[in-house]
Amino acid sequence: MSTNLRITPADPFPEDLESLKDEKLQVLDSQVQRQLDHEIVTEGESNPETEFRHHELDAEFEQREN
């Protein structure tokens, strides 16, 4: 699998999600979701860092809706 389809816990992650354009945020969200799915299938559970990133992205999407 191409490395840009997923973002692993070891990969860099933006500190400031607010500064990202909507399109980049959506791509990042897709990468994190694919990583979550991969971890659950291969390891039976998700990595805490991936979970944290997923929640950070959800919070940013919620903030942008308001």
PDB file of N, CA and C in Angstrom:
ATOM      1  N   MET A   1       0.851  -1.187   0.000  1.00  0.00           N
ATOM      2  CA  MET A   1       0.000   0.000   0.000  1.00  0.00           C
ATOM      3  C   MET A   1       0.887   1.237   0.000  1.00  0.00           C
ATOM      4  N   SER A   2       0.491   2.207  -0.750  1.00  0.00           N
ATOM      5  CA  SER A   2       1.247   3.452  -0.824  1.00  0.00           C
ATOM      6  C   SER A   2       1.212   4.162   0.532  1.00  0.00           C
ATOM      7  N   THR A   3       2.340   4.719   0.900  1.00  0.00           N
ATOM      8  CA  THR A   3       2.425   5.347   2.219  1.00  0.00           C
ATOM      9  C   THR A   3       1.545   6.577   2.348  1.00  0.00           C
ATOM     10  N   ASN A   4       1.163   7.209   1.225  1.00  0.00           N
ATOM     11  CA  ASN A   4       0.353   8.416   1.351  1.00  0.00           C
ATOM     12  C   ASN A   4      -1.135   8.120   1.515  1.00  0.00           C
ATOM     13  N   LEU A   5      -1.517   6.847   1.464  1.00  0.00           N
ATOM     14  CA  LEU A   5      -2.920   6.505   1.681  1.00  0.00           C
ATOM     15  C   LEU A   5      -3.268   6.456   3.165  1.00  0.00           C
ATOM     16  N   ARG A   6      -2.252   6.245   3.998  1.00  0.00           N
ATOM     17  CA  ARG A   6      -2.454   6.203   5.447  1.00  0.00           C
ATOM     18  C   ARG A   6      -1.408   7.093   6.104  1.00  0.00           C
ATOM     19  N   ILE A   7      -1.718   7.546   7.300  1.00  0.00           N
ATOM     20  CA  ILE A   7      -0.747   8.304   8.090  1.00  0.00           C
ATOM     21  C   ILE A   7      -0.548   7.536   9.394  1.00  0.00           C
ATOM     22  N   THR A   8       0.636   6.974   9.556  1.00  0.00           N
ATOM     23  CA  THR A   8       0.923   6.145  10.724  1.00  0.00           C
ATOM     24  C   THR A   8       1.191   7.031  11.942  1.00  0.00           C
ATOM     25  N   PRO A   9       1.140   6.442  13.124  1.00  0.00           N
ATOM     26  CA  PRO A   9       1.438   7.231  14.333  1.00  0.00           C
ATOM     27  C   PRO A   9       2.836   7.849  14.314  1.00  0.00           C
ATOM     28  N   ALA A  10       3.754   7.249  13.575  1.00  0.00           N
ATOM     29  CA  ALA A  10       5.124   7.776  13.500  1.00  0.00           C
ATOM     30  C   ALA A  10       5.258   8.920  12.492  1.00  0.00           C
ATOM     31  N   ASP A  11       4.301   9.061  11.594  1.00  0.00           N
ATOM     32  CA  ASP A  11       4.348  10.123  10.588  1.00  0.00           C
ATOM     33  C   ASP A  11       4.054  11.479  11.229  1.00  0.00           C
ATOM     34  N   PRO A  12       4.639  12.544  10.663  1.00  0.00           N
ATOM     35  CA  PRO A  12       4.343  13.881  11.198  1.00  0.00           C
ATOM     36  C   PRO A  12       2.863  14.225  11.033  1.00  0.00           C
ATOM     37  N   PHE A  13       2.364  14.986  11.974  1.00  0.00           N
ATOM     38  CA  PHE A  13       0.958  15.400  11.975  1.00  0.00           C
ATOM     39  C   PHE A  13       0.927  16.890  12.279  1.00  0.00           C
ATOM     40  N   PRO A  14       0.146  17.667  11.527  1.00  0.00           N
ATOM     41  CA  PRO A  14       0.122  19.119  11.755  1.00  0.00           C
ATOM     42  C   PRO A  14      -0.302  19.471  13.182  1.00  0.00           C
ATOM     43  N   GLU A  15       0.411  20.415  13.772  1.00  0.00           N
ATOM     44  CA  GLU A  15       0.067  20.862  15.121  1.00  0.00           C
ATOM     45  C   GLU A  15      -1.151  21.772  15.113  1.00  0.00           C
ATOM     46  N   ASP A  16      -1.297  22.545  14.033  1.00  0.00           N
ATOM     47  CA  ASP A  16      -2.384  23.511  13.950  1.00  0.00           C
ATOM     48  C   ASP A  16      -3.322  23.139  12.806  1.00  0.00           C
ATOM     49  N   LEU A  17      -4.384  22.421  13.136  1.00  0.00           N
ATOM     50  CA  LEU A  17      -5.337  22.009  12.105  1.00  0.00           C
ATOM     51  C   LEU A  17      -6.131  23.189  11.562  1.00  0.00           C
ATOM     52  N   GLU A  18      -6.267  24.252  12.359  1.00  0.00           N
ATOM     53  CA  GLU A  18      -7.011  25.438  11.929  1.00  0.00           C
ATOM     54  C   GLU A  18      -6.424  26.068  10.678  1.00  0.00           C
ATOM     55  N   SER A  19      -5.122  25.948  10.515  1.00  0.00           N
ATOM     56  CA  SER A  19      -4.455  26.602   9.393  1.00  0.00           C
ATOM     57  C   SER A  19      -4.620  25.831   8.075  1.00  0.00           C
ATOM     58  N   LEU A  20      -5.117  24.605   8.147  1.00  0.00           N
ATOM     59  CA  LEU A  20      -5.265  23.794   6.938  1.00  0.00           C
ATOM     60  C   LEU A  20      -6.527  24.168   6.165  1.00  0.00           C
ATOM     61  N   LYS A  21      -6.411  24.140   4.856  1.00  0.00           N
ATOM     62  CA  LYS A  21      -7.594  24.350   4.012  1.00  0.00           C
ATOM     63  C   LYS A  21      -8.495  23.125   4.134  1.00  0.00           C
ATOM     64  N   ASP A  22      -9.771  23.309   3.834  1.00  0.00           N
ATOM     65  CA  ASP A  22     -10.745  22.221   3.959  1.00  0.00           C
ATOM     66  C   ASP A  22     -10.319  20.961   3.213  1.00  0.00           C
ATOM     67  N   GLU A  23      -9.793  21.134   1.997  1.00  0.00           N
ATOM     68  CA  GLU A  23      -9.415  19.980   1.186  1.00  0.00           C
ATOM     69  C   GLU A  23      -8.303  19.175   1.856  1.00  0.00           C
ATOM     70  N   LYS A  24      -7.304  19.862   2.387  1.00  0.00           N
ATOM     71  CA  LYS A  24      -6.194  19.190   3.063  1.00  0.00           C
ATOM     72  C   LYS A  24      -6.684  18.493   4.324  1.00  0.00           C
ATOM     73  N   LEU A  25      -7.597  19.126   5.041  1.00  0.00           N
ATOM     74  CA  LEU A  25      -8.145  18.522   6.250  1.00  0.00           C
ATOM     75  C   LEU A  25      -8.908  17.244   5.908  1.00  0.00           C
ATOM     76  N   GLN A  26      -9.654  17.265   4.818  1.00  0.00           N
ATOM     77  CA  GLN A  26     -10.398  16.081   4.391  1.00  0.00           C
ATOM     78  C   GLN A  26      -9.458  14.947   3.990  1.00  0.00           C
ATOM     79  N   VAL A  27      -8.363  15.282   3.297  1.00  0.00           N
ATOM     80  CA  VAL A  27      -7.379  14.265   2.923  1.00  0.00           C
ATOM     81  C   VAL A  27      -6.747  13.669   4.177  1.00  0.00           C
ATOM     82  N   LEU A  28      -6.370  14.509   5.105  1.00  0.00           N
ATOM     83  CA  LEU A  28      -5.773  14.052   6.359  1.00  0.00           C
ATOM     84  C   LEU A  28      -6.735  13.153   7.122  1.00  0.00           C
ATOM     85  N   ASP A  29      -7.995  13.524   7.145  1.00  0.00           N
ATOM     86  CA  ASP A  29      -9.010  12.719   7.810  1.00  0.00           C
ATOM     87  C   ASP A  29      -9.119  11.337   7.154  1.00  0.00           C
ATOM     88  N   SER A  30      -9.088  11.294   5.840  1.00  0.00           N
ATOM     89  CA  SER A  30      -9.149  10.014   5.129  1.00  0.00           C
ATOM     90  C   SER A  30      -7.932   9.149   5.458  1.00  0.00           C
ATOM     91  N   GLN A  31      -6.759   9.767   5.515  1.00  0.00           N
ATOM     92  CA  GLN A  31      -5.539   9.024   5.833  1.00  0.00           C
ATOM     93  C   GLN A  31      -5.599   8.442   7.244  1.00  0.00           C
ATOM     94  N   VAL A  32      -6.086   9.226   8.193  1.00  0.00           N
ATOM     95  CA  VAL A  32      -6.192   8.758   9.578  1.00  0.00           C
ATOM     96  C   VAL A  32      -7.243   7.652   9.672  1.00  0.00           C
ATOM     97  N   GLN A  33      -8.354   7.807   8.976  1.00  0.00           N
ATOM     98  CA  GLN A  33      -9.398   6.774   9.007  1.00  0.00           C
ATOM     99  C   GLN A  33      -8.882   5.460   8.416  1.00  0.00           C
ATOM    100  N   ARG A  34      -8.136   5.543   7.316  1.00  0.00           N
ATOM    101  CA  ARG A  34      -7.555   4.324   6.727  1.00  0.00           C
ATOM    102  C   ARG A  34      -6.576   3.669   7.687  1.00  0.00           C
ATOM    103  N   GLN A  35      -5.805   4.483   8.400  1.00  0.00           N
ATOM    104  CA  GLN A  35      -4.862   3.937   9.369  1.00  0.00           C
ATOM    105  C   GLN A  35      -5.611   3.261  10.514  1.00  0.00           C
ATOM    106  N   LEU A  36      -6.667   3.892  11.002  1.00  0.00           N
ATOM    107  CA  LEU A  36      -7.480   3.277  12.056  1.00  0.00           C
ATOM    108  C   LEU A  36      -8.002   1.913  11.602  1.00  0.00           C
ATOM    109  N   ASP A  37      -8.564   1.873  10.408  1.00  0.00           N
ATOM    110  CA  ASP A  37      -9.087   0.618   9.864  1.00  0.00           C
ATOM    111  C   ASP A  37      -7.982  -0.429   9.762  1.00  0.00           C
ATOM    112  N   HIS A  38      -6.814  -0.022   9.280  1.00  0.00           N
ATOM    113  CA  HIS A  38      -5.675  -0.932   9.135  1.00  0.00           C
ATOM    114  C   HIS A  38      -5.255  -1.493  10.496  1.00  0.00           C
ATOM    115  N   GLU A  39      -5.155  -0.630  11.502  1.00  0.00           N
ATOM    116  CA  GLU A  39      -4.739  -1.075  12.831  1.00  0.00           C
ATOM    117  C   GLU A  39      -5.737  -2.070  13.422  1.00  0.00           C
ATOM    118  N   ILE A  40      -6.999  -1.792  13.264  1.00  0.00           N
ATOM    119  CA  ILE A  40      -8.021  -2.677  13.826  1.00  0.00           C
ATOM    120  C   ILE A  40      -7.990  -4.043  13.141  1.00  0.00           C
ATOM    121  N   VAL A  41      -7.826  -4.038  11.820  1.00  0.00           N
ATOM    122  CA  VAL A  41      -7.788  -5.301  11.082  1.00  0.00           C
ATOM    123  C   VAL A  41      -6.515  -6.086  11.395  1.00  0.00           C
ATOM    124  N   THR A  42      -5.363  -5.407  11.429  1.00  0.00           N
ATOM    125  CA  THR A  42      -4.098  -6.127  11.598  1.00  0.00           C
ATOM    126  C   THR A  42      -3.705  -6.369  13.051  1.00  0.00           C
ATOM    127  N   GLU A  43      -4.100  -5.477  13.965  1.00  0.00           N
ATOM    128  CA  GLU A  43      -3.668  -5.590  15.352  1.00  0.00           C
ATOM    129  C   GLU A  43      -4.810  -5.855  16.329  1.00  0.00           C
ATOM    130  N   GLY A  44      -6.033  -5.737  15.848  1.00  0.00           N
ATOM    131  CA  GLY A  44      -7.188  -5.978  16.707  1.00  0.00           C
ATOM    132  C   GLY A  44      -7.603  -4.778  17.536  1.00  0.00           C
ATOM    133  N   GLU A  45      -6.834  -3.716  17.510  1.00  0.00           N
ATOM    134  CA  GLU A  45      -7.159  -2.489  18.223  1.00  0.00           C
ATOM    135  C   GLU A  45      -6.426  -1.328  17.585  1.00  0.00           C
ATOM    136  N   SER A  46      -6.854  -0.125  17.907  1.00  0.00           N
ATOM    137  CA  SER A  46      -6.220   1.057  17.334  1.00  0.00           C
ATOM    138  C   SER A  46      -5.126   1.580  18.255  1.00  0.00           C
ATOM    139  N   ASN A  47      -4.165   2.251  17.639  1.00  0.00           N
ATOM    140  CA  ASN A  47      -3.077   2.879  18.366  1.00  0.00           C
ATOM    141  C   ASN A  47      -3.617   4.146  19.046  1.00  0.00           C
ATOM    142  N   PRO A  48      -3.238   4.410  20.295  1.00  0.00           N
ATOM    143  CA  PRO A  48      -3.731   5.619  20.975  1.00  0.00           C
ATOM    144  C   PRO A  48      -3.432   6.917  20.216  1.00  0.00           C
ATOM    145  N   GLU A  49      -2.279   6.997  19.553  1.00  0.00           N
ATOM    146  CA  GLU A  49      -1.942   8.208  18.799  1.00  0.00           C
ATOM    147  C   GLU A  49      -2.901   8.385  17.613  1.00  0.00           C
ATOM    148  N   THR A  50      -3.226   7.299  16.944  1.00  0.00           N
ATOM    149  CA  THR A  50      -4.160   7.376  15.822  1.00  0.00           C
ATOM    150  C   THR A  50      -5.543   7.788  16.315  1.00  0.00           C
ATOM    151  N   GLU A  51      -5.957   7.245  17.449  1.00  0.00           N
ATOM    152  CA  GLU A  51      -7.242   7.631  18.058  1.00  0.00           C
ATOM    153  C   GLU A  51      -7.251   9.120  18.399  1.00  0.00           C
ATOM    154  N   PHE A  52      -6.158   9.601  18.978  1.00  0.00           N
ATOM    155  CA  PHE A  52      -6.045  11.011  19.341  1.00  0.00           C
ATOM    156  C   PHE A  52      -6.178  11.890  18.098  1.00  0.00           C
ATOM    157  N   ARG A  53      -5.472  11.514  17.037  1.00  0.00           N
ATOM    158  CA  ARG A  53      -5.534  12.279  15.793  1.00  0.00           C
ATOM    159  C   ARG A  53      -6.950  12.281  15.222  1.00  0.00           C
ATOM    160  N   HIS A  54      -7.596  11.151  15.288  1.00  0.00           N
ATOM    161  CA  HIS A  54      -8.970  11.042  14.790  1.00  0.00           C
ATOM    162  C   HIS A  54      -9.890  11.998  15.552  1.00  0.00           C
ATOM    163  N   HIS A  55      -9.743  12.036  16.871  1.00  0.00           N
ATOM    164  CA  HIS A  55     -10.571  12.935  17.692  1.00  0.00           C
ATOM    165  C   HIS A  55     -10.233  14.406  17.436  1.00  0.00           C
ATOM    166  N   GLU A  56      -8.957  14.706  17.225  1.00  0.00           N
ATOM    167  CA  GLU A  56      -8.551  16.084  16.906  1.00  0.00           C
ATOM    168  C   GLU A  56      -9.189  16.544  15.595  1.00  0.00           C
ATOM    169  N   LEU A  57      -9.196  15.668  14.607  1.00  0.00           N
ATOM    170  CA  LEU A  57      -9.811  16.004  13.315  1.00  0.00           C
ATOM    171  C   LEU A  57     -11.318  16.195  13.462  1.00  0.00           C
ATOM    172  N   ASP A  58     -11.960  15.312  14.211  1.00  0.00           N
ATOM    173  CA  ASP A  58     -13.407  15.461  14.442  1.00  0.00           C
ATOM    174  C   ASP A  58     -13.721  16.797  15.094  1.00  0.00           C
ATOM    175  N   ALA A  59     -12.911  17.178  16.082  1.00  0.00           N
ATOM    176  CA  ALA A  59     -13.122  18.445  16.779  1.00  0.00           C
ATOM    177  C   ALA A  59     -12.948  19.629  15.822  1.00  0.00           C
ATOM    178  N   GLU A  60     -11.963  19.548  14.932  1.00  0.00           N
ATOM    179  CA  GLU A  60     -11.741  20.622  13.974  1.00  0.00           C
ATOM    180  C   GLU A  60     -12.911  20.732  12.987  1.00  0.00           C
ATOM    181  N   PHE A  61     -13.415  19.596  12.515  1.00  0.00           N
ATOM    182  CA  PHE A  61     -14.573  19.619  11.624  1.00  0.00           C
ATOM    183  C   PHE A  61     -15.785  20.239  12.333  1.00  0.00           C
ATOM    184  N   GLU A  62     -15.999  19.883  13.587  1.00  0.00           N
ATOM    185  CA  GLU A  62     -17.113  20.438  14.360  1.00  0.00           C
ATOM    186  C   GLU A  62     -16.950  21.956  14.509  1.00  0.00           C
ATOM    187  N   GLN A  63     -15.730  22.393  14.798  1.00  0.00           N
ATOM    188  CA  GLN A  63     -15.452  23.821  14.959  1.00  0.00           C
ATOM    189  C   GLN A  63     -15.766  24.581  13.661  1.00  0.00           C
ATOM    190  N   ARG A  64     -15.412  23.998  12.542  1.00  0.00           N
ATOM    191  CA  ARG A  64     -15.645  24.668  11.259  1.00  0.00           C
ATOM    192  C   ARG A  64     -17.123  24.733  10.894  1.00  0.00           C
ATOM    193  N   GLU A  65     -17.908  23.822  11.400  1.00  0.00           N
ATOM    194  CA  GLU A  65     -19.344  23.826  11.125  1.00  0.00           C
ATOM    195  C   GLU A  65     -20.053  24.935  11.887  1.00  0.00           C
ATOM    196  N   ASN A  66     -19.485  25.347  13.002  1.00  0.00           N
ATOM    197  CA  ASN A  66     -20.135  26.355  13.856  1.00  0.00           C
ATOM    198  C   ASN A  66     -19.755  27.757  13.505  1.00  0.00           C
TER     199      ASN A  66
END
